[in-house]
Protein backbone atom coordinates (compact mmCIF):
# COMPACT_ATOMS: atom_id res chain seq x y z
CA MET A 1 -0.01 -0.04 -0.02
CA TYR A 2 0.87 3.55 -0.83
CA ASP A 3 0.75 4.35 3.06
CA LEU A 4 4.13 2.74 3.36
CA ALA A 5 5.08 6.57 2.38
CA VAL A 6 3.82 7.12 5.98
CA MET A 7 6.14 4.75 7.55
CA TRP A 8 9.03 6.07 5.40
CA GLU A 9 8.36 9.57 6.62
CA TRP A 10 8.52 8.24 10.33
CA ILE A 11 11.80 6.40 9.61
CA ALA A 12 13.04 9.73 8.38
CA PHE A 13 11.63 11.57 11.47
CA SER A 14 13.18 9.20 13.78
CA VAL A 15 16.66 9.31 12.14
CA ARG A 16 16.47 13.10 12.29
CA TRP A 17 15.68 12.81 15.92
CA LEU A 18 18.91 10.68 16.30
CA HIS A 19 20.76 12.98 14.39
CA VAL A 20 19.96 16.17 16.25
CA ILE A 21 20.42 14.52 19.67
CA THR A 22 23.61 13.00 19.08
CA ALA A 23 24.78 16.45 17.33
CA MET A 24 23.79 18.44 20.50
CA ALA A 25 25.95 15.88 22.50
CA TRP A 26 28.77 16.35 20.12
CA ILE A 27 28.52 19.92 20.06
CA GLY A 28 28.16 20.47 23.58
CA ALA A 29 31.33 18.30 24.53
CA SER A 30 33.38 19.95 21.91
CA PHE A 31 32.49 23.30 23.03
CA TYR A 32 33.14 22.52 26.87
CA PHE A 33 36.55 21.06 26.12
CA ILE A 34 37.64 23.80 23.92
CA ALA A 35 36.58 26.16 26.90
CA LEU A 36 38.16 23.95 29.57
CA ASP A 37 41.53 24.14 27.45
CA LEU A 38 41.21 27.98 27.44
CA MET A 39 40.15 28.58 31.04
CA LEU A 40 43.04 26.42 32.79
CA LYS A 41 45.13 28.23 34.97
CA PRO A 42 48.65 27.11 36.25
CA ASN A 43 49.22 25.86 39.86
CA PRO A 44 52.92 25.26 41.10
CA ALA A 45 51.40 22.43 43.58
CA LEU A 46 49.87 20.52 40.75
CA PRO A 47 51.60 16.93 39.92
CA ASP A 48 54.70 16.77 37.70
CA GLY A 49 53.49 16.73 33.93
CA ALA A 50 50.16 18.84 34.87
CA TYR A 51 49.42 21.77 32.41
CA GLY A 52 46.93 23.67 34.62
CA GLU A 53 43.71 23.09 36.67
CA GLU A 54 40.11 24.70 36.70
CA TRP A 55 37.43 24.53 39.62
CA GLU A 56 33.96 24.16 38.53
CA VAL A 57 30.56 24.33 40.02
CA HIS A 58 27.48 22.66 38.81
CA GLY A 59 24.75 20.34 40.12
CA GLY A 60 25.46 21.14 43.74
CA GLY A 61 29.10 20.14 43.87
CA PHE A 62 32.48 21.25 42.78
CA TYR A 63 34.74 19.60 40.26
CA HIS A 64 38.51 19.72 40.25
CA THR A 65 39.79 19.30 36.68
CA VAL A 66 43.77 18.82 36.02
CA LYS A 67 44.77 18.57 32.49
CA TYR A 68 48.27 16.90 31.36
CA LEU A 69 49.78 18.28 28.62
CA VAL A 70 51.24 15.03 27.45
CA ALA A 71 50.10 12.19 29.58
CA PRO A 72 49.91 11.34 33.44
CA ALA A 73 52.88 9.23 35.05
CA ARG A 74 50.98 6.15 34.81
CA MET A 75 47.63 5.02 32.94
CA PRO A 76 44.67 6.17 34.86
CA GLU A 77 42.27 2.93 36.05
CA HIS A 78 39.09 4.68 34.71
CA LEU A 79 39.32 6.59 31.23
CA THR A 80 36.34 8.08 29.34
CA TRP A 81 36.69 8.40 25.62
CA HIS A 82 34.73 11.17 23.76
CA LYS A 83 34.27 9.89 20.14
CA TRP A 84 31.33 8.04 19.87
CA GLN A 85 28.83 11.48 19.60
CA SER A 86 30.90 12.32 16.53
CA TYR A 87 30.45 8.80 15.06
CA THR A 88 26.84 8.60 15.54
CA THR A 89 26.17 12.19 14.41
CA TRP A 90 27.86 11.65 11.04
CA LEU A 91 26.22 8.23 10.69
CA SER A 92 22.95 9.17 11.57
CA GLY A 93 23.38 12.36 9.24
CA ALA A 94 24.57 10.01 6.12
CA ALA A 95 21.45 7.80 6.93
CA LEU A 96 19.21 11.01 6.74
CA LEU A 97 21.00 12.31 3.57
CA MET A 98 20.38 8.88 1.98
CA ILE A 99 16.73 8.77 2.86
CA ILE A 100 15.83 12.31 1.91
CA TYR A 101 18.31 13.21 -0.82
CA TRP A 102 18.77 9.89 -2.39
CA VAL A 103 15.70 8.12 -2.26
CA GLY A 104 13.54 11.07 -2.58
CA GLY A 105 16.29 12.57 -5.14
CA GLU A 106 14.05 13.17 -8.01
CA LEU A 107 12.30 15.68 -5.76
CA PHE A 108 14.63 17.16 -3.12
CA LEU A 109 18.22 16.30 -4.81
CA LEU A 110 17.89 17.24 -8.60
CA ASP A 111 17.26 20.50 -10.24
CA PRO A 112 16.39 19.77 -13.65
CA THR A 113 16.67 23.65 -14.56
CA LYS A 114 20.32 23.48 -13.52
CA ALA A 115 21.84 20.20 -14.62
CA ASP A 116 20.26 17.30 -16.82
CA LEU A 117 21.33 14.42 -14.64
CA ALA A 118 19.95 11.05 -14.01
CA LEU A 119 19.14 10.24 -10.48
CA TRP A 120 22.17 7.70 -10.13
CA GLN A 121 24.34 10.69 -11.17
CA GLY A 122 23.15 12.73 -8.78
CA ILE A 123 23.60 10.22 -6.40
CA LEU A 124 27.20 9.53 -7.32
CA ILE A 125 28.00 13.00 -6.98
CA SER A 126 26.51 13.26 -3.89
CA GLY A 127 28.24 10.75 -2.00
CA GLY A 128 31.60 10.70 -3.43
CA SER A 129 31.98 14.84 -3.27
CA LEU A 130 31.88 14.23 0.70
CA THR A 131 35.43 12.86 0.66
CA ILE A 132 37.21 15.51 -1.15
CA GLY A 133 37.33 18.22 1.29
CA TRP A 134 38.64 15.45 3.74
CA LEU A 135 41.42 14.30 1.65
CA LEU A 136 42.54 18.08 0.54
CA TYR A 137 42.34 19.17 4.16
CA ASP A 138 44.25 16.34 5.68
CA GLN A 139 46.99 16.54 3.16
CA MET A 140 47.43 20.63 3.78
CA CYS A 141 47.54 19.74 7.28
CA LYS A 142 50.26 17.40 7.01
CA SER A 143 52.03 19.68 4.66
CA LYS A 144 54.45 22.59 5.64
CA LEU A 145 51.09 24.34 5.76
CA SER A 146 50.59 23.16 9.45
CA ASP A 147 53.57 25.81 10.29
CA HIS A 148 51.05 28.27 8.88
CA PRO A 149 47.49 28.22 10.31
CA THR A 150 46.02 31.10 9.22
CA VAL A 151 47.16 30.26 5.46
CA LEU A 152 46.08 26.70 6.24
CA MET A 153 42.55 27.99 7.41
CA LEU A 154 42.10 30.55 4.14
CA LEU A 155 42.80 27.85 2.00
CA LEU A 156 39.96 25.65 3.62
CA PHE A 157 37.60 28.46 3.07
CA LEU A 158 38.51 28.78 -0.44
CA ILE A 159 37.60 24.88 -0.74
CA LEU A 160 34.52 25.65 1.10
CA VAL A 161 33.47 28.60 -1.31
CA ILE A 162 34.36 26.53 -4.31
CA MET A 163 32.13 23.48 -3.22
CA SER A 164 29.30 26.04 -2.09
CA TRP A 165 29.49 27.32 -5.71
CA GLY A 166 29.91 23.98 -7.38
CA TYR A 167 26.98 22.27 -5.35
CA ASN A 168 24.73 25.24 -6.28
CA GLN A 169 25.44 24.53 -10.05
CA ILE A 170 24.03 20.91 -9.73
CA PHE A 171 21.55 20.48 -6.79
CA THR A 172 18.58 22.09 -5.53
CA GLY A 173 18.95 25.28 -3.61
CA ARG A 174 18.34 22.80 -0.14
CA ALA A 175 20.36 20.26 -1.23
CA ALA A 176 23.02 22.19 -2.35
CA LEU A 177 23.55 23.89 1.20
CA LEU A 178 22.70 20.64 2.90
CA HIS A 179 25.66 19.06 1.08
CA LEU A 180 28.07 21.69 1.95
CA GLY A 181 27.28 21.04 5.60
CA ALA A 182 27.47 17.40 5.16
CA PHE A 183 31.01 18.24 3.30
CA THR A 184 32.21 19.93 6.32
CA ALA A 185 30.94 17.69 8.94
CA THR A 186 32.67 14.96 7.04
CA ILE A 187 35.92 16.73 7.64
CA MET A 188 35.00 17.15 11.24
CA THR A 189 34.40 13.25 11.99
CA ALA A 190 37.37 12.61 9.73
CA ASN A 191 39.65 14.35 12.10
CA VAL A 192 38.11 12.41 15.08
CA PHE A 193 38.41 8.91 13.55
CA PHE A 194 41.68 9.48 11.46
CA GLN A 195 43.82 11.79 13.45
CA ILE A 196 42.41 12.59 17.29
CA MET A 197 41.60 8.98 18.44
CA PRO A 198 44.74 7.28 16.73
CA ASN A 199 46.97 9.96 18.35
CA GLN A 200 45.37 9.47 21.60
CA ARG A 201 45.59 5.81 21.30
CA ILE A 202 49.35 6.02 20.67
CA VAL A 203 49.71 8.20 23.92
CA VAL A 204 47.66 5.50 26.10
CA GLU A 205 49.51 2.46 24.35
CA ASP A 206 53.07 4.24 25.24
CA LEU A 207 51.74 4.62 28.99
CA LYS A 208 50.68 0.83 29.33
CA ALA A 209 54.14 -0.09 27.94
CA GLY A 210 55.87 2.28 30.43
CA ARG A 211 57.10 4.42 27.63
CA THR A 212 56.91 8.33 27.96
CA PRO A 213 54.52 9.57 25.42
CA ASP A 214 55.39 12.16 22.47
CA ALA A 215 54.00 15.21 22.90
CA LYS A 216 53.86 15.57 19.17
CA TYR A 217 50.39 13.25 19.22
CA GLY A 218 48.82 15.54 21.86
CA LYS A 219 49.26 18.64 19.64
CA ILE A 220 48.14 17.28 16.61
CA ALA A 221 44.87 16.21 18.07
CA LYS A 222 44.79 19.57 19.51
CA VAL A 223 44.80 21.45 16.37
CA ARG A 224 42.41 19.01 14.56
CA SER A 225 39.82 19.70 17.55
CA THR A 226 40.44 23.47 17.35
CA HIS A 227 39.71 23.49 13.79
CA ASN A 228 36.19 21.53 14.57
CA ASN A 229 35.27 24.20 16.98
CA TYR A 230 35.36 26.77 14.46
CA LEU A 231 33.36 25.07 11.72
CA THR A 232 30.47 23.76 14.05
CA LEU A 233 28.38 26.49 13.81
CA PRO A 234 28.46 26.98 10.15
CA VAL A 235 27.70 23.55 9.98
CA VAL A 236 24.51 23.84 12.38
CA PHE A 237 23.38 26.85 10.09
CA LEU A 238 23.60 24.71 6.83
CA MET A 239 21.65 22.12 8.30
CA LEU A 240 18.94 24.38 9.47
CA SER A 241 18.85 26.22 6.23
CA ASN A 242 16.40 24.01 4.49
CA HIS A 243 13.76 25.59 6.53
CA TYR A 244 14.46 28.99 5.03
CA PRO A 245 14.26 29.70 1.33
CA LEU A 246 15.88 33.38 1.80
CA ALA A 247 18.91 30.98 2.76
CA PHE A 248 18.91 28.49 0.12
CA GLY A 249 16.55 29.81 -2.67
CA THR A 250 18.13 32.98 -4.17
CA GLU A 251 20.78 33.60 -6.76
CA TYR A 252 23.42 33.99 -4.15
CA SER A 253 22.92 31.32 -1.73
CA TRP A 254 26.17 29.85 -2.56
CA ILE A 255 27.98 33.39 -1.40
CA ILE A 256 25.52 33.46 1.77
CA ALA A 257 26.67 29.89 2.62
CA SER A 258 30.34 31.19 2.22
CA LEU A 259 29.62 34.19 4.37
CA ILE A 260 28.34 32.13 7.21
CA PHE A 261 31.69 30.22 7.83
CA LEU A 262 33.08 33.84 8.37
CA THR A 263 30.74 34.59 10.99
CA GLY A 264 31.05 31.19 12.65
CA VAL A 265 35.09 32.20 12.81
CA THR A 266 33.90 35.68 14.43
CA ILE A 267 31.46 34.10 16.70
CA ARG A 268 33.80 31.72 18.22
CA HIS A 269 36.77 33.79 18.42
CA TYR A 270 34.79 35.84 20.57
CA PHE A 271 33.79 33.16 22.98
CA ASN A 272 37.15 31.37 22.89
CA THR A 273 38.94 34.47 23.60
CA MET A 274 36.58 35.48 26.37
CA HIS A 275 37.01 31.81 27.80
CA ALA A 276 41.04 32.34 27.52
CA THR A 277 41.26 35.94 28.98
CA GLY A 278 37.86 36.66 30.54
CA LYS A 279 37.13 39.18 28.07
CA GLY A 280 36.05 39.04 24.48
CA PRO A 281 36.85 41.30 21.65
CA HIS A 282 33.53 43.05 21.10
CA TRP A 283 34.73 43.96 17.47
CA THR A 284 33.76 40.56 16.59
CA TRP A 285 30.21 41.13 17.13
CA ALA A 286 30.15 44.20 14.98
CA VAL A 287 31.99 42.27 12.08
CA THR A 288 29.20 39.55 12.46
CA VAL A 289 26.16 41.71 12.38
CA LEU A 290 27.90 43.49 9.42
CA LEU A 291 27.99 40.23 7.56
CA MET A 292 24.31 39.09 8.51
CA VAL A 293 23.41 42.47 6.89
CA VAL A 294 25.40 41.79 3.84
CA ILE A 295 23.63 38.28 3.86
CA ALA A 296 20.00 39.88 4.12
CA TRP A 297 20.70 41.92 1.13
CA LEU A 298 22.00 39.34 -1.14
CA SER A 299 18.87 37.29 -0.16
CA SER A 300 16.65 40.06 -1.31
CA VAL A 301 17.99 39.91 -4.74
CA ARG A 302 14.67 38.15 -6.72
CA ASN A 303 15.52 36.25 -9.43
CA GLY A 304 15.01 32.42 -10.63
CA GLU A 305 12.56 30.52 -12.84
CA THR A 306 9.37 32.87 -13.80
CA TRP A 307 5.86 31.40 -14.23
CA GLU A 308 6.07 31.42 -17.81
CA ASP A 309 9.34 29.49 -17.84
CA ALA A 310 8.00 27.12 -15.62
CA GLU A 311 4.50 26.40 -17.76
CA ALA A 312 7.13 26.50 -20.65
CA ARG A 313 9.39 23.71 -19.47
CA GLU A 314 9.06 20.10 -20.41
CA LEU A 315 8.31 17.75 -17.48
CA THR A 316 10.81 15.21 -16.81
CA PRO A 317 9.58 11.70 -16.32
CA TYR A 318 9.18 11.85 -12.95
CA GLU A 319 6.89 14.66 -12.91
CA GLN A 320 4.99 13.03 -16.03
CA LYS A 321 4.08 10.10 -14.40
CA TYR A 322 2.09 12.20 -11.67
CA ALA A 323 0.46 14.48 -14.23
CA SER A 324 -0.65 11.78 -16.72
CA ALA A 325 -2.25 9.83 -13.85
CA ALA A 326 -6.08 9.56 -13.58
CA GLY A 327 -7.47 12.00 -11.31
CA PHE A 328 -4.58 14.50 -11.97
CA GLU A 329 -6.77 17.47 -13.20
CA GLU A 330 -8.97 17.13 -10.33
CA ALA A 331 -6.23 17.09 -7.83
CA TYR A 332 -4.32 20.10 -9.78
CA ASP A 333 -7.41 22.13 -9.36
CA THR A 334 -7.75 21.47 -5.43
CA VAL A 335 -4.09 22.44 -5.26
CA LEU A 336 -4.69 25.69 -7.16
CA GLY A 337 -7.71 26.64 -4.94
CA ASN A 338 -6.19 26.05 -1.94
CA CYS A 339 -2.14 26.20 -2.07
CA SER A 340 -1.10 28.42 -4.83
CA MET A 341 -1.90 31.71 -3.19
CA CYS A 342 0.99 31.15 -1.05
CA HIS A 343 3.21 28.73 -2.81
CA ALA A 344 3.61 30.92 -5.80
CA ARG A 345 6.27 32.49 -7.49
CA GLU A 346 4.91 35.98 -6.55
CA PRO A 347 2.53 35.09 -3.77
CA VAL A 348 -0.89 36.97 -3.37
CA TYR A 349 -1.51 35.88 0.35
CA GLY A 350 -1.30 38.83 2.90
CA THR A 351 2.00 39.99 3.07
CA MET A 352 3.98 37.23 2.04
CA LYS A 353 7.05 37.63 -0.18
CA TRP A 354 8.41 34.46 -0.67
CA ALA A 355 6.91 30.86 -1.24
CA PRO A 356 7.06 28.80 2.01
CA LYS A 357 10.55 26.75 1.40
CA LYS A 358 10.30 27.99 -1.91
CA VAL A 359 7.80 25.17 -2.81
CA TYR A 360 5.71 26.16 -5.76
CA LEU A 361 2.47 24.72 -6.43
CA GLU A 362 1.34 26.60 -9.47
CA THR A 363 1.83 24.80 -13.10
CA PRO A 364 1.10 21.15 -13.53
CA GLY A 365 4.58 20.40 -13.53
CA ASP A 366 4.95 21.87 -10.04
CA VAL A 367 2.03 20.10 -8.69
CA ALA A 368 3.09 16.71 -10.07
CA ARG A 369 6.64 17.36 -8.73
CA GLN A 370 5.55 17.66 -5.12
CA ALA A 371 3.25 15.00 -5.28
CA ASP A 372 4.54 12.89 -2.29
CA GLN A 373 4.67 16.04 -0.01
CA ILE A 374 1.23 17.26 -1.26
CA TYR A 375 0.07 13.68 -0.13
CA LEU A 376 1.67 13.77 3.21
CA GLN A 377 1.03 17.77 4.03
CA ALA A 378 -2.55 18.13 2.51
CA GLY A 379 -3.82 14.64 2.05
CA ILE A 380 -3.54 12.13 4.98
CA SER A 381 -2.50 14.89 7.24
CA HIS A 382 -4.25 18.42 8.07
CA ALA A 383 -0.64 20.12 8.21
CA MET A 384 -1.28 22.45 5.04
CA PRO A 385 -2.97 24.39 4.17
CA PRO A 386 -3.00 26.33 7.58
CA PRO A 387 -6.56 26.76 9.18
CA SER A 388 -6.01 30.40 9.75
CA ALA A 389 -5.31 30.66 5.77
CA VAL A 390 -7.89 28.28 4.00
CA GLN A 391 -10.40 25.89 5.14
CA MET A 392 -10.00 22.77 2.97
CA ASP A 393 -12.70 20.17 3.04
CA GLU A 394 -12.41 16.66 3.59
CA ASP A 395 -13.50 15.85 -0.02
CA ALA A 396 -10.73 18.09 -1.33
CA ARG A 397 -8.16 16.27 0.70
CA GLN A 398 -9.63 12.75 -0.60
CA THR A 399 -9.12 13.96 -3.89
CA ILE A 400 -5.36 14.60 -3.55
CA ILE A 401 -5.23 11.10 -1.73
CA ALA A 402 -7.03 9.16 -4.69
CA TRP A 403 -4.79 10.93 -7.29
CA VAL A 404 -1.27 9.81 -5.43
CA ARG A 405 -2.62 6.63 -4.57
CA GLU A 406 -3.39 5.87 -8.28
CA VAL A 407 -0.05 6.53 -9.43
CA ARG A 408 1.61 4.39 -6.42
CA ASP A 409 -1.02 1.46 -6.95
CA GLN A 410 -0.09 0.91 -10.84
């Protein structure tokens, strides 16, 4: 039965839930340890090899944290590893990308107005591109550029700008920004898996064997962890961007995504400096606000496919399948009468300026392309249209359900 679509939607929801929960755990742990490192204070009474200490109060008690720059004299009996937050976040995110952008690729991944690609080609680009950033970044970190951290970060930013532009030439706006976030998150998790954890294991093995660990392994792990710290906030923005057409649905969305990485640097620099010195550089907020003003201005540039362009465009095989099904004309009239006043290239409802999530429901191709979402949002559920906007009767919803099930039952 077609209501397997409902189960599939709940599977996507469950995986998204897992992804958000584990991402919160990873980000929280990452921010905490960076702040902890920056707030450590020296104390001559500390044990040999200890770098600094910090006292904290939380949950009705006091915590005394001591950090060893390399390692303690002996292996602790109880050692907690912070790695599963990162791994589970990436794995759940990869699963979510496959569920939404691979299985639902004809709707969410591919934009036929940008590139004429088969779904398998889009999936190949989607999956294959995620490794490029890690390979380039890792080689840069292992080269002499590691002695010039500012230059290294500028080159990484350049790679991100190029990928932002490249994704936008192929994928839908939502998919482009989401993939840029996944591209960056892959670098971050690969840092943990391929560098931070292996180097820490070397230190642990040296302690177990009675050898003095080499300080270089801890330094490498610290550098990669710091890079992750500065990349975190832009990734969160990119993962949330698919809810906001002004972020993903304008001509300059690739520039907007690039500038967001700069805001991540300015915001994290403020808090990192504040943790280290007790006072943050306030100029970073001025720069951040200025960048957001530029982003808002870029997003206001109106462009894209016009109604006339959409009407004249040849339907894709996916769209043709739904547009030629029995019941399409009735469903199309229902959608036009209940949804198109908001979901239009130039909305006419109230003061609305942009279609929600940049979903257009004007032409036959528009409606056919969004068949699955119309079925879920306005057919079997009452999520759309908003009750305060349009009262859609049950017969109209049954028209939509009958049309979509006609296709799926074939």
